[in-house]
């Protein structure tokens, strides 16, 4: 009845070291099981002597303990047995507490390691991987489903195993001491649990799937709502998103309610069965003894105590076991979801964040018949593009929507590799393993600058811890980007000013200048501006363009632009159409020889 597929998938999530730690947990669980049995057994001698002091001389074990201990009277011996039983009970409970800690710690650390490894896999995937992914879905997998795998699979599996170990040891003891009564009791309880599990397992698995799907919708809607909050506010669409969120949120809550009831309610029925059974067994023992007086009653008191004590100890274990089986069925969808992501992603480098020396650009950068086709696309986004750019040149790129500008930019940045053709740096063809080092030589200034809720300094030196930031280089980069004076004069804390989430406390032009400073801080040889000024007003665009034009002459600049006016001072301009490079020349020559560019230029002048 245990979901073995879920257990196999969970085992596959653990690395070699974690599997070793698991066996340490198993050892602790076994010792805790022995301690639980010792606690149950410790009460029997005490109850036997309490009911009939004559047992001291009838039992070989008790007589040996009495003589060896040098006790002078039955009362002293009874006191010693009672104190010994208390000590065993205390030590056993300490061992149970240790078991809880070990299981809890192992489970909690798996939440860390599972989500960390999955994030590592995500970050190591090629850029194309993210083009088909919803950020809300990835966030859900990392922040929610990994925790669900722990709470509904890993921890229940270990707790269920611990319950089996403890219950089995107690059952063995009871079978040895009272075989007929024990077999009758456990067959009854086992049958009751079996029936309950049979009916709840499918329900748990079905609602587990509902929870995964509803949770994915919740994350997706919240991500979209927060990203588009300005549009939502302007159009007054708050109620629309609230209604969209309501359905999956209710399904999520309902699934959690059902699994909570399904995993806990059966224990009350089992409580009733077990305690009623203990009473029936006690009556049966009395009948068997013939109710022939005090001595017969004294004979069965230890057995009654053993059964009662065992029942009190084994009942929580059976409840835990049932709850674990239910949660494993409920959590199967979460486990399969994470396993699917593990299967679809691959570890590219064992040390993803290790420093790679930038390749650098010394002479020229070129494409040789570069073609690129996105996965599942019907036609190429770039087709046979060839060009060569000299170090220090300033290149513009224009073209209508769908002409291939973004694809060209992604290849220049080293984010994607050509389906056909070659990228050549200083006469050397870039191979797969070279693209990462090439990315270290490229700066990127997009239209929407990505800023974190950290200081200006940390955003310029993006991705570096404070103790590794070069303060002089930060200031030098800010000066070249023409934002140094603003930082010192206008920001309250200067370079230590926190910019707010996505740089919300800065204007568009200020964010762009920080983006330029970031590209300069990385000491990139080639800087790509991807419509970096298209969202700015004319005055701000002019100021930012002045910052760009003031960049050092040894920097190679590629500027993809929507407004042709921003490319007026470029050395040469590429004209793309339907993924093909149809012209690559100076502004003047393009106006003379390229009708398509002339049309763009005329349209821009007319506007």
Protein backbone atom coordinates (compact mmCIF):
# COMPACT_ATOMS: atom_id res chain seq x y z
CA UNK A 1 0.00 0.00 0.00
CA UNK A 2 3.02 2.28 0.30
CA UNK A 3 3.58 4.36 -2.85
CA UNK A 4 6.86 2.76 -3.98
CA UNK A 5 7.16 4.94 -7.10
CA UNK A 6 7.18 8.06 -4.96
CA UNK A 7 9.83 6.54 -2.69
CA UNK A 8 12.03 5.62 -5.68
CA UNK A 9 11.80 9.15 -7.07
CA UNK A 10 12.59 10.66 -3.67
CA UNK A 11 15.63 8.38 -3.32
CA UNK A 12 16.83 9.65 -6.69
CA UNK A 13 16.82 13.23 -5.36
CA UNK A 14 19.46 12.39 -2.74
CA UNK A 15 23.16 12.60 -3.54
CA UNK A 16 25.74 10.14 -2.20
CA UNK A 17 26.47 12.09 0.97
CA UNK A 18 22.77 12.54 1.74
CA UNK A 19 22.21 8.81 1.35
CA UNK A 20 24.95 8.18 3.92
CA UNK A 21 23.24 10.62 6.26
CA UNK A 22 19.98 8.80 5.66
CA UNK A 23 21.47 5.59 6.99
CA UNK A 24 22.63 7.48 10.08
CA UNK A 25 19.00 8.52 10.54
CA UNK A 26 17.99 4.87 10.12
CA UNK A 27 20.45 3.87 12.86
CA UNK A 28 19.03 6.48 15.23
CA UNK A 29 15.49 5.32 14.41
CA UNK A 30 16.41 1.71 15.21
CA UNK A 31 17.99 2.68 18.53
CA UNK A 32 14.89 4.73 19.34
CA UNK A 33 12.76 1.68 18.53
CA UNK A 34 14.78 -0.46 20.94
CA UNK A 35 14.38 2.28 23.55
CA UNK A 36 10.60 2.26 23.03
CA UNK A 37 10.48 -1.51 23.53
CA UNK A 38 12.64 -1.19 26.65
CA UNK A 39 10.19 1.36 28.02
CA UNK A 40 7.27 -1.02 27.46
CA UNK A 41 9.12 -3.97 29.01
CA UNK A 42 10.32 -1.98 32.01
CA UNK A 43 6.80 -1.69 33.40
CA UNK A 44 6.15 -5.47 33.48
CA UNK A 45 8.46 -6.43 36.42
CA UNK A 46 7.23 -3.48 38.45
CA UNK A 47 3.54 -4.36 37.91
CA UNK A 48 4.21 -8.05 38.59
CA UNK A 49 5.82 -7.37 41.97
CA UNK A 50 3.28 -4.66 42.79
CA UNK A 51 0.40 -7.11 42.19
CA UNK A 52 2.12 -10.09 43.79
CA UNK A 53 5.33 -9.58 45.84
CA UNK A 54 5.74 -13.34 45.84
CA UNK A 55 6.78 -13.09 42.19
CA UNK A 56 10.22 -12.02 43.41
CA UNK A 57 10.92 -15.57 44.49
CA UNK A 58 9.02 -17.29 41.66
CA UNK A 59 10.77 -15.56 38.76
CA UNK A 60 14.42 -16.49 38.11
CA UNK A 61 15.15 -13.04 36.71
CA UNK A 62 13.55 -11.18 39.63
CA UNK A 63 15.15 -13.49 42.21
CA UNK A 64 18.58 -12.98 40.65
CA UNK A 65 18.12 -9.21 40.65
CA UNK A 66 16.86 -9.31 44.24
CA UNK A 67 19.77 -11.41 45.51
CA UNK A 68 22.44 -9.65 43.44
CA UNK A 69 21.22 -6.24 44.58
CA UNK A 70 21.37 -7.25 48.23
CA UNK A 71 17.88 -6.01 48.99
CA UNK A 72 16.66 -6.57 52.56
CA UNK A 73 12.94 -6.44 51.85
CA UNK A 74 10.31 -6.69 49.14
CA UNK A 75 9.32 -3.04 49.61
CA UNK A 76 12.85 -1.80 48.88
CA UNK A 77 13.05 -4.02 45.82
CA UNK A 78 9.69 -2.70 44.57
CA UNK A 79 10.95 0.87 45.02
CA UNK A 80 14.08 0.01 43.03
CA UNK A 81 11.99 -1.50 40.23
CA UNK A 82 9.79 1.60 40.13
CA UNK A 83 12.76 3.97 40.00
CA UNK A 84 14.43 1.83 37.34
CA UNK A 85 11.25 1.88 35.25
CA UNK A 86 11.03 5.67 35.58
CA UNK A 87 14.67 6.03 34.46
CA UNK A 88 14.09 3.77 31.46
CA UNK A 89 10.97 5.74 30.53
CA UNK A 90 12.85 9.06 30.79
CA UNK A 91 15.81 7.77 28.76
CA UNK A 92 13.47 6.29 26.16
CA UNK A 93 11.66 9.60 25.75
CA UNK A 94 14.97 11.44 25.44
CA UNK A 95 15.83 8.99 22.66
CA UNK A 96 12.46 9.68 21.01
CA UNK A 97 13.20 13.41 21.18
CA UNK A 98 16.60 12.79 19.56
CA UNK A 99 14.86 10.79 16.84
CA UNK A 100 12.46 13.67 16.19
CA UNK A 101 15.39 16.11 15.98
CA UNK A 102 17.43 13.91 13.63
CA UNK A 103 14.46 13.30 11.32
CA UNK A 104 13.50 16.98 11.41
CA UNK A 105 17.03 18.18 10.68
CA UNK A 106 17.55 15.72 7.84
CA UNK A 107 14.22 16.72 6.29
CA UNK A 108 14.77 20.47 6.70
CA UNK A 109 18.21 20.31 5.09
CA UNK A 110 16.73 18.45 2.13
CA UNK A 111 14.49 21.44 1.50
CA UNK A 112 17.65 23.56 1.23
CA UNK A 113 19.63 21.11 -0.90
CA UNK A 114 16.76 20.17 -3.21
CA UNK A 115 15.82 23.77 -4.02
CA UNK A 116 19.48 24.83 -4.28
CA UNK A 117 20.29 22.05 -6.74
CA UNK A 118 17.20 22.83 -8.79
CA UNK A 119 18.08 26.55 -8.89
CA UNK A 120 21.61 25.59 -9.95
CA UNK A 121 20.19 23.48 -12.76
CA UNK A 122 17.90 26.29 -13.87
CA UNK A 123 20.68 28.87 -13.91
CA UNK A 124 22.96 26.54 -15.86
CA UNK A 125 20.48 26.02 -18.67
CA UNK A 126 21.06 27.77 -21.99
CA UNK A 127 19.17 31.01 -22.53
CA UNK A 128 16.78 29.30 -24.97
CA UNK A 129 15.44 27.22 -22.06
CA UNK A 130 14.00 30.32 -20.39
CA UNK A 131 12.24 31.54 -23.52
CA UNK A 132 9.69 28.72 -23.15
CA UNK A 133 9.32 29.00 -19.37
CA UNK A 134 6.96 31.09 -17.25
CA UNK A 135 8.84 32.78 -14.42
CA UNK A 136 5.91 32.10 -12.09
CA UNK A 137 6.18 28.37 -12.81
CA UNK A 138 9.91 28.31 -12.09
CA UNK A 139 9.38 30.30 -8.90
CA UNK A 140 6.64 27.92 -7.82
CA UNK A 141 8.90 24.91 -8.33
CA UNK A 142 11.71 26.45 -6.28
CA UNK A 143 9.79 28.14 -3.48
CA UNK A 144 6.81 25.85 -3.06
CA UNK A 145 7.06 22.44 -4.70
CA UNK A 146 10.52 21.65 -3.30
CA UNK A 147 9.14 22.28 0.19
CA UNK A 148 6.10 20.16 -0.63
CA UNK A 149 8.39 17.29 -1.63
CA UNK A 150 9.98 17.51 1.81
CA UNK A 151 6.73 17.91 3.76
CA UNK A 152 4.71 15.38 1.78
CA UNK A 153 7.31 12.81 0.75
CA UNK A 154 10.75 12.89 2.38
CA UNK A 155 9.68 13.59 5.95
CA UNK A 156 6.59 11.32 5.86
CA UNK A 157 8.70 8.51 4.38
CA UNK A 158 11.23 8.71 7.22
CA UNK A 159 8.57 9.13 9.90
CA UNK A 160 6.64 6.22 8.42
CA UNK A 161 9.76 4.06 8.48
CA UNK A 162 10.40 5.05 12.10
CA UNK A 163 6.82 4.14 12.97
CA UNK A 164 7.21 0.74 11.29
CA UNK A 165 10.44 0.03 13.20
CA UNK A 166 8.99 0.96 16.60
CA UNK A 167 5.66 -0.77 15.99
CA UNK A 168 7.33 -3.94 14.72
CA UNK A 169 9.58 -4.22 17.76
CA UNK A 170 6.66 -3.75 20.15
CA UNK A 171 4.56 -6.25 18.20
CA UNK A 172 7.35 -8.85 18.40
CA UNK A 173 7.48 -8.45 22.17
CA UNK A 174 3.70 -8.75 22.48
CA UNK A 175 3.61 -11.79 20.21
CA UNK A 176 6.20 -13.46 22.41
CA UNK A 177 4.38 -12.69 25.65
CA UNK A 178 0.72 -12.90 24.57
CA UNK A 179 0.59 -14.43 21.06
CA UNK A 180 -3.13 -15.21 20.75
CA UNK A 181 -4.34 -11.90 22.14
CA UNK A 182 -1.75 -9.93 20.13
CA UNK A 183 -2.54 -11.64 16.84
CA UNK A 184 -6.27 -11.02 17.32
CA UNK A 185 -5.70 -7.35 18.17
CA UNK A 186 -3.32 -6.58 15.34
CA UNK A 187 -5.38 -8.39 12.73
CA UNK A 188 -8.38 -6.27 13.72
CA UNK A 189 -6.42 -3.01 13.72
CA UNK A 190 -4.55 -3.93 10.53
CA UNK A 191 -7.79 -4.73 8.72
CA UNK A 192 -9.30 -1.42 9.83
CA UNK A 193 -6.26 0.54 8.63
CA UNK A 194 -6.15 -1.40 5.36
CA UNK A 195 -9.75 -0.55 4.54
CA UNK A 196 -9.22 3.14 5.36
CA UNK A 197 -6.02 3.36 3.29
CA UNK A 198 -7.70 1.65 0.35
CA UNK A 199 -10.41 4.30 0.20
CA UNK A 200 -8.26 7.34 0.97
CA UNK A 201 -5.23 6.63 -1.22
CA UNK A 202 -6.85 7.50 -4.56
CA UNK A 203 -8.54 10.54 -3.03
CA UNK A 204 -5.19 11.76 -1.69
CA UNK A 205 -3.44 11.29 -5.03
CA UNK A 206 -6.22 13.04 -6.97
CA UNK A 207 -6.26 16.04 -4.67
CA UNK A 208 -2.48 16.12 -4.74
CA UNK A 209 -2.67 16.74 -8.50
CA UNK A 210 -5.30 19.42 -7.92
CA UNK A 211 -2.98 21.14 -5.43
CA UNK A 212 0.00 21.17 -7.85
CA UNK A 213 -2.10 22.58 -10.70
CA UNK A 214 -3.80 25.17 -8.49
CA UNK A 215 -0.49 26.24 -6.97
CA UNK A 216 1.00 26.74 -10.44
CA UNK A 217 -1.93 28.96 -11.41
CA UNK A 218 -1.58 30.98 -8.20
CA UNK A 219 2.11 31.69 -8.77
CA UNK A 220 1.54 32.52 -12.42
CA UNK A 221 -1.26 34.97 -11.68
CA UNK A 222 0.59 36.67 -8.83
CA UNK A 223 3.72 37.05 -10.98
CA UNK A 224 1.72 38.56 -13.83
CA UNK A 225 -0.24 40.86 -11.51
CA UNK A 226 2.86 42.25 -9.82
CA UNK A 227 4.67 42.71 -13.14
CA UNK A 228 1.73 44.51 -14.71
CA UNK A 229 0.53 46.46 -11.67
CA UNK A 230 0.77 49.83 -13.46
CA UNK A 231 -1.49 48.71 -16.32
CA UNK A 232 -3.85 46.98 -13.89
CA UNK A 233 -4.17 50.18 -11.87
CA UNK A 234 -4.61 52.44 -14.88
CA UNK A 235 -7.30 50.24 -16.44
CA UNK A 236 -8.93 49.41 -13.12
CA UNK A 237 -8.55 45.66 -13.59
CA UNK A 238 -7.94 44.78 -9.93
CA UNK A 239 -11.22 42.88 -9.66
CA UNK A 240 -10.41 40.89 -12.81
CA UNK A 241 -7.18 39.52 -11.30
CA UNK A 242 -8.81 38.99 -7.92
CA UNK A 243 -11.46 36.83 -9.59
CA UNK A 244 -8.83 34.92 -11.58
CA UNK A 245 -6.86 34.23 -8.41
CA UNK A 246 -9.91 33.18 -6.41
CA UNK A 247 -10.56 29.86 -8.18
CA UNK A 248 -7.08 28.26 -7.86
CA UNK A 249 -6.72 29.66 -4.33
CA UNK A 250 -9.97 27.98 -3.29
CA UNK A 251 -8.93 24.71 -4.92
CA UNK A 252 -5.61 24.88 -3.08
CA UNK A 253 -7.35 25.48 0.25
CA UNK A 254 -9.86 22.70 -0.40
CA UNK A 255 -7.13 20.18 -1.26
CA UNK A 256 -5.26 21.02 1.94
CA UNK A 257 -8.44 20.65 3.98
CA UNK A 258 -9.24 17.27 2.45
CA UNK A 259 -5.76 15.88 3.00
CA UNK A 260 -5.73 17.18 6.56
CA UNK A 261 -9.01 15.44 7.36
CA UNK A 262 -8.07 12.31 5.41
CA UNK A 263 -4.73 11.92 7.19
CA UNK A 264 -5.93 12.62 10.73
CA UNK A 265 -9.56 11.55 11.09
CA UNK A 266 -8.95 7.76 10.87
CA UNK A 267 -6.86 7.84 14.02
CA UNK A 268 -9.97 8.59 16.07
CA UNK A 269 -11.69 5.50 14.74
CA UNK A 270 -8.57 3.48 15.50
CA UNK A 271 -8.41 4.98 19.00
CA UNK A 272 -11.94 3.79 19.63
CA UNK A 273 -11.17 0.33 18.24
CA UNK A 274 -7.93 -0.04 20.19
CA UNK A 275 -9.14 1.15 23.58
CA UNK A 276 -12.37 -0.78 23.21
CA UNK A 277 -10.23 -3.78 22.32
CA UNK A 278 -8.09 -3.33 25.42
CA UNK A 279 -11.22 -3.31 27.59
CA UNK A 280 -12.54 -6.42 25.82
CA UNK A 281 -9.17 -8.14 26.26
CA UNK A 282 -9.12 -7.28 29.95
CA UNK A 283 -12.58 -8.76 30.35
CA UNK A 284 -11.48 -11.81 28.38
CA UNK A 285 -8.49 -12.25 30.68
CA UNK A 286 -10.74 -12.03 33.70
CA UNK A 287 -13.05 -14.64 32.21
CA UNK A 288 -10.06 -16.86 31.43
CA UNK A 289 -8.86 -16.49 34.99
CA UNK A 290 -12.28 -17.59 36.16
CA UNK A 291 -12.73 -14.54 38.39
CA UNK A 292 -11.52 -16.70 41.27
CA UNK A 293 -10.30 -14.03 43.61
CA UNK A 294 -7.53 -11.62 44.34
CA UNK A 295 -4.63 -13.83 43.36
CA UNK A 296 -6.00 -14.51 39.88
CA UNK A 297 -6.54 -10.81 39.38
CA UNK A 298 -2.99 -10.16 40.51
CA UNK A 299 -1.78 -12.62 37.90
CA UNK A 300 -3.36 -10.72 35.03
CA UNK A 301 -2.53 -7.17 36.17
CA UNK A 302 0.97 -7.26 34.56
CA UNK A 303 -0.55 -8.49 31.29
CA UNK A 304 -3.20 -5.78 31.36
CA UNK A 305 -0.51 -3.20 32.13
CA UNK A 306 1.66 -4.48 29.29
CA UNK A 307 -1.23 -4.31 26.81
CA UNK A 308 -2.31 -0.86 27.98
CA UNK A 309 1.22 0.52 27.97
CA UNK A 310 1.94 -1.04 24.57
CA UNK A 311 -1.30 0.30 23.16
CA UNK A 312 -0.53 3.77 24.44
CA UNK A 313 2.90 3.60 22.81
CA UNK A 314 1.99 1.92 19.55
CA UNK A 315 -1.12 3.95 18.78
CA UNK A 316 0.76 7.19 17.90
CA UNK A 317 3.11 5.15 15.72
CA UNK A 318 0.21 3.63 13.79
CA UNK A 319 -1.34 7.08 13.39
CA UNK A 320 2.00 8.40 12.11
CA UNK A 321 2.30 5.47 9.70
CA UNK A 322 -1.18 6.04 8.29
CA UNK A 323 -0.58 9.78 7.97
CA UNK A 324 2.73 9.10 6.18
CA UNK A 325 1.09 6.75 3.68
CA UNK A 326 -1.64 9.32 3.01
CA UNK A 327 0.84 12.17 2.56
CA UNK A 328 3.02 10.08 0.24
CA UNK A 329 0.03 9.58 -2.04
CA UNK A 330 -0.91 13.26 -1.78
CA UNK A 331 2.65 14.41 -2.44
CA UNK A 332 3.26 12.17 -5.43
CA UNK A 333 2.31 14.91 -7.93
CA UNK A 334 4.78 17.33 -6.33
CA UNK A 335 7.53 14.69 -6.45
CA UNK A 336 6.79 13.92 -10.10
CA UNK A 337 6.77 17.64 -10.92
CA UNK A 338 10.23 18.21 -9.44
CA UNK A 339 11.53 14.95 -10.95
CA UNK A 340 10.34 16.11 -14.37
CA UNK A 341 12.30 19.34 -14.00
CA UNK A 342 15.37 17.38 -12.90
CA UNK A 343 15.01 15.15 -15.96
CA UNK A 344 14.58 18.07 -18.37
CA UNK A 345 17.55 20.03 -17.05
CA UNK A 346 21.16 18.99 -17.06
CA UNK A 347 24.15 19.96 -14.98
CA UNK A 348 26.49 21.78 -17.35
CA UNK A 349 29.27 22.57 -14.91
CA UNK A 350 29.94 21.14 -11.45
CA UNK A 351 30.95 24.65 -10.30
CA UNK A 352 28.53 27.01 -12.10
CA UNK A 353 29.79 30.21 -10.48
CA UNK A 354 33.51 29.70 -10.91
CA UNK A 355 35.34 32.64 -12.46
CA UNK A 356 36.15 32.35 -16.15
CA UNK A 357 38.77 34.67 -17.62
CA UNK A 358 37.10 36.94 -20.23
CA UNK A 359 38.21 36.13 -23.74
CA UNK A 360 38.58 39.77 -24.78
CA UNK A 361 38.36 41.46 -28.19
CA UNK A 362 41.68 42.61 -29.65
CA UNK A 363 41.08 43.04 -33.36
CA UNK A 364 37.71 42.14 -34.89
CA UNK A 365 34.41 40.35 -34.33
CA UNK A 366 32.53 38.61 -37.13
CA UNK A 367 29.66 36.34 -38.17
CA UNK A 368 30.25 33.78 -40.91
CA UNK A 369 27.00 32.57 -42.53
CA UNK A 370 25.21 32.49 -39.16
CA UNK A 371 21.76 30.91 -39.15
CA UNK A 372 19.62 30.40 -36.07
CA UNK A 373 16.35 28.51 -35.64
CA UNK A 374 14.55 28.52 -32.30
CA UNK A 375 13.29 25.14 -31.05
CA UNK A 376 9.90 24.25 -32.57
CA UNK A 377 10.10 27.25 -34.94
CA UNK A 378 8.93 26.88 -38.54
CA UNK A 379 11.61 29.08 -40.08
CA UNK A 380 14.99 30.61 -39.18
CA UNK A 381 15.10 33.86 -37.22
CA UNK A 382 18.49 34.59 -38.77
CA UNK A 383 19.51 33.26 -42.16
CA UNK A 384 23.08 33.23 -43.46
CA UNK A 385 24.18 36.46 -41.78
CA UNK A 386 27.82 37.44 -42.37
CA UNK A 387 29.65 40.61 -41.31
CA UNK A 388 32.87 41.78 -39.69
CA UNK A 389 33.27 44.56 -37.10
CA UNK A 390 36.61 46.12 -36.19
CA UNK A 391 37.49 46.81 -32.57
CA UNK A 392 36.41 50.34 -31.61
CA UNK A 393 33.72 50.63 -34.28
CA UNK A 394 30.27 51.94 -33.44
CA UNK A 395 27.64 49.87 -35.19
CA UNK A 396 23.90 50.47 -35.50
CA UNK A 397 21.28 47.78 -36.15
CA UNK A 398 17.84 48.55 -37.60
CA UNK A 399 14.95 46.53 -38.93
CA UNK A 400 11.22 46.12 -38.54
CA UNK A 401 9.62 43.86 -35.94
CA UNK A 402 10.54 40.24 -36.62
CA UNK A 403 13.59 41.13 -38.67
CA UNK A 404 15.94 39.22 -36.33
CA UNK A 405 17.42 42.06 -34.27
CA UNK A 406 16.84 40.35 -30.90
CA UNK A 407 18.19 37.03 -32.16
CA UNK A 408 21.31 38.73 -33.50
CA UNK A 409 21.74 40.47 -30.13
CA UNK A 410 21.43 37.19 -28.23
CA UNK A 411 24.13 35.58 -30.38
CA UNK A 412 26.43 38.60 -30.01
CA UNK A 413 25.96 38.38 -26.23
CA UNK A 414 26.83 34.67 -26.30
CA UNK A 415 23.44 33.69 -24.87
CA UNK A 416 22.60 31.40 -27.77
CA UNK A 417 24.80 29.58 -30.27
CA UNK A 418 24.24 29.53 -34.04
CA UNK A 419 22.34 26.60 -35.50
CA UNK A 420 24.70 26.93 -38.47
CA UNK A 421 27.70 29.11 -39.22
CA UNK A 422 30.37 30.53 -36.93
CA UNK A 423 31.02 33.39 -34.55
CA UNK A 424 34.64 34.47 -34.95
CA UNK A 425 36.70 36.51 -32.46
CA UNK A 426 40.09 37.76 -33.62
CA UNK A 427 40.20 35.04 -36.27
CA UNK A 428 39.30 32.23 -33.82
CA UNK A 429 35.99 30.36 -34.24
CA UNK A 430 34.07 30.19 -30.96
CA UNK A 431 33.30 26.64 -29.89
CA UNK A 432 30.62 25.65 -27.38
CA UNK A 433 33.00 25.85 -24.43
CA UNK A 434 34.22 29.31 -25.50
CA UNK A 435 30.90 31.16 -25.32
CA UNK A 436 31.00 31.56 -21.56
CA UNK A 437 34.39 33.27 -21.63
CA UNK A 438 33.14 35.45 -24.50
CA UNK A 439 30.16 36.56 -22.39
CA UNK A 440 32.67 37.91 -19.88
CA UNK A 441 33.92 40.30 -22.57
CA UNK A 442 30.50 41.71 -23.46
CA UNK A 443 28.49 44.43 -21.73
CA UNK A 444 24.73 44.69 -22.08
CA UNK A 445 22.48 47.73 -21.71
CA UNK A 446 18.83 46.79 -22.41
CA UNK A 447 15.76 48.98 -22.63
CA UNK A 448 14.62 47.93 -19.16
CA UNK A 449 17.64 47.94 -16.84
CA UNK A 450 17.53 45.15 -14.27
CA UNK A 451 18.18 46.70 -10.87
CA UNK A 452 18.04 44.91 -7.53
CA UNK A 453 16.82 46.35 -4.24
CA UNK A 454 20.38 47.07 -3.15
CA UNK A 455 22.71 50.07 -3.14
CA UNK A 456 23.83 52.01 -6.19
CA UNK A 457 27.33 50.61 -5.66
CA UNK A 458 26.10 47.01 -5.63
CA UNK A 459 23.99 47.57 -8.74
CA UNK A 460 26.93 48.97 -10.68
CA UNK A 461 29.16 46.08 -9.56
CA UNK A 462 26.26 43.69 -10.11
CA UNK A 463 26.56 40.19 -8.64
CA UNK A 464 29.64 40.82 -6.49
CA UNK A 465 29.74 40.68 -2.67
CA UNK A 466 30.64 43.97 -0.97
CA UNK A 467 34.15 42.85 -0.01
CA UNK A 468 35.00 42.15 -3.67
CA UNK A 469 33.78 45.45 -5.14
CA UNK A 470 36.46 47.75 -6.56
CA UNK A 471 35.41 51.20 -5.28
CA UNK A 472 37.70 53.09 -7.65
CA UNK A 473 36.34 51.22 -10.66
CA UNK A 474 32.76 51.88 -9.53
CA UNK A 475 33.40 55.63 -9.34
CA UNK A 476 35.34 55.68 -12.61
CA UNK A 477 32.54 53.81 -14.40
CA UNK A 478 29.92 56.16 -12.97
CA UNK A 479 31.90 59.20 -14.09
CA UNK A 480 32.20 57.94 -17.66
CA UNK A 481 28.47 57.13 -17.65
CA UNK A 482 27.85 60.69 -16.40
CA UNK A 483 25.96 59.70 -13.28
CA UNK A 484 28.63 60.24 -10.63
CA UNK A 485 27.61 63.84 -9.89
CA UNK A 486 23.95 62.89 -9.60
CA UNK A 487 24.79 60.10 -7.15
CA UNK A 488 26.80 62.41 -4.90
CA UNK A 489 24.63 65.53 -5.16
CA UNK A 490 21.09 64.17 -5.40
CA UNK A 491 21.07 60.85 -3.56
CA UNK A 492 20.95 61.11 0.22
CA UNK A 493 23.45 58.34 0.90
CA UNK A 494 25.47 58.60 -2.30
CA UNK A 495 26.67 55.25 -3.54
CA UNK A 496 25.13 53.61 -0.45
CA UNK A 497 21.62 54.68 -1.46
CA UNK A 498 19.24 51.73 -1.88
CA UNK A 499 17.58 52.13 -5.28
CA UNK A 500 14.39 50.21 -4.47
CA UNK A 501 12.90 47.20 -6.23
CA UNK A 502 13.66 47.44 -9.99
CA UNK A 503 15.16 50.89 -9.34
CA UNK A 504 11.74 52.39 -8.72
CA UNK A 505 13.26 55.43 -6.96
CA UNK A 506 15.24 56.44 -10.05
CA UNK A 507 14.14 58.01 -13.31
CA UNK A 508 14.42 56.18 -16.62
CA UNK A 509 17.52 58.11 -17.67
CA UNK A 510 19.21 57.50 -14.34
CA UNK A 511 18.54 53.78 -14.58
CA UNK A 512 20.02 53.72 -18.09
CA UNK A 513 23.17 55.46 -16.91
CA UNK A 514 23.58 52.96 -14.09
CA UNK A 515 23.20 50.25 -16.74
CA UNK A 516 25.99 51.88 -18.77
CA UNK A 517 28.16 52.16 -15.66
CA UNK A 518 27.55 48.46 -14.98
CA UNK A 519 28.72 47.54 -18.49
CA UNK A 520 31.83 49.69 -18.01
CA UNK A 521 32.55 48.20 -14.57
CA UNK A 522 32.71 44.75 -16.14
CA UNK A 523 35.46 46.18 -18.38
CA UNK A 524 33.70 44.81 -21.43
CA UNK A 525 35.41 45.21 -24.79
CA UNK A 526 32.09 45.16 -26.63
CA UNK A 527 28.92 46.82 -25.31
CA UNK A 528 25.54 46.07 -26.83
CA UNK A 529 22.72 48.60 -26.41
CA UNK A 530 19.38 46.89 -27.06
CA UNK A 531 16.94 49.76 -27.71
CA UNK A 532 18.42 51.31 -24.57
CA UNK A 533 16.82 54.73 -25.15
CA UNK A 534 13.56 53.82 -26.86
CA UNK A 535 11.48 54.21 -23.67
CA UNK A 536 12.92 57.64 -22.83
CA UNK A 537 11.61 61.07 -23.74
CA UNK A 538 13.58 63.08 -26.29
CA UNK A 539 15.44 65.24 -23.77
CA UNK A 540 16.46 62.28 -21.60
CA UNK A 541 17.36 60.25 -24.68
CA UNK A 542 19.65 63.04 -25.83
CA UNK A 543 21.41 63.11 -22.45
CA UNK A 544 21.87 59.34 -22.41
CA UNK A 545 23.16 59.37 -25.99
CA UNK A 546 25.72 61.98 -24.96
CA UNK A 547 26.87 59.57 -22.25
CA UNK A 548 27.14 56.78 -24.82
CA UNK A 549 29.03 58.94 -27.31
CA UNK A 550 31.48 59.92 -24.57
CA UNK A 551 32.48 56.29 -23.97
CA UNK A 552 36.16 55.45 -24.59
CA UNK A 553 37.08 54.97 -28.24
CA UNK A 554 38.51 51.49 -27.64
CA UNK A 555 35.05 50.17 -26.76
CA UNK A 556 33.20 48.44 -29.59
CA UNK A 557 29.54 49.50 -29.52
CA UNK A 558 26.57 47.78 -31.15
CA UNK A 559 23.35 49.77 -30.85
CA UNK A 560 19.99 48.27 -31.74
CA UNK A 561 17.58 51.18 -32.05
CA UNK A 562 14.00 51.97 -32.83
CA UNK A 563 14.72 55.65 -33.45
CA UNK A 564 17.11 56.11 -36.36
CA UNK A 565 18.26 59.46 -34.95
CA UNK A 566 20.19 57.66 -32.19
CA UNK A 567 22.35 55.94 -34.84
CA UNK A 568 23.36 59.08 -36.72
CA UNK A 569 26.92 59.01 -35.40
CA UNK A 570 27.50 55.28 -35.93
CA UNK A 571 30.35 54.25 -38.22
CA UNK A 572 28.15 51.71 -40.00
CA UNK A 573 24.58 50.47 -39.77
CA UNK A 574 23.15 46.98 -40.36
CA UNK A 575 19.76 46.69 -42.02
CA UNK A 576 17.90 43.43 -41.28
CA UNK A 577 14.81 42.10 -43.02
CA UNK A 578 13.12 38.75 -42.32
CA UNK A 579 16.29 37.45 -40.66
CA UNK A 580 18.62 38.44 -43.49
CA UNK A 581 21.28 41.14 -43.53
CA UNK A 582 20.34 43.16 -46.62
CA UNK A 583 22.77 46.06 -46.14
CA UNK A 584 25.70 47.08 -43.92
CA UNK A 585 27.24 50.49 -44.62
CA UNK A 586 27.52 54.08 -43.47
CA UNK A 587 24.44 56.28 -43.05
CA UNK A 588 25.16 58.24 -46.21
CA UNK A 589 25.78 55.18 -48.36
CA UNK A 590 22.66 53.45 -47.05
CA UNK A 591 20.49 56.44 -47.90
CA UNK A 592 21.95 56.32 -51.39
CA UNK A 593 22.00 52.56 -52.03
CA UNK A 594 19.37 50.95 -49.74
CA UNK A 595 15.74 51.86 -50.52
CA UNK A 596 14.49 50.25 -47.32
CA UNK A 597 16.81 52.33 -45.15
CA UNK A 598 15.94 55.44 -47.13
CA UNK A 599 12.27 54.80 -46.42
CA UNK A 600 13.03 54.45 -42.70
CA UNK A 601 15.08 57.64 -42.75
CA UNK A 602 12.42 59.59 -44.61
CA UNK A 603 9.74 58.36 -42.22
CA UNK A 604 11.84 59.34 -39.20
CA UNK A 605 12.49 62.82 -40.63
CA UNK A 606 8.81 63.28 -41.37
CA UNK A 607 7.91 62.38 -37.79
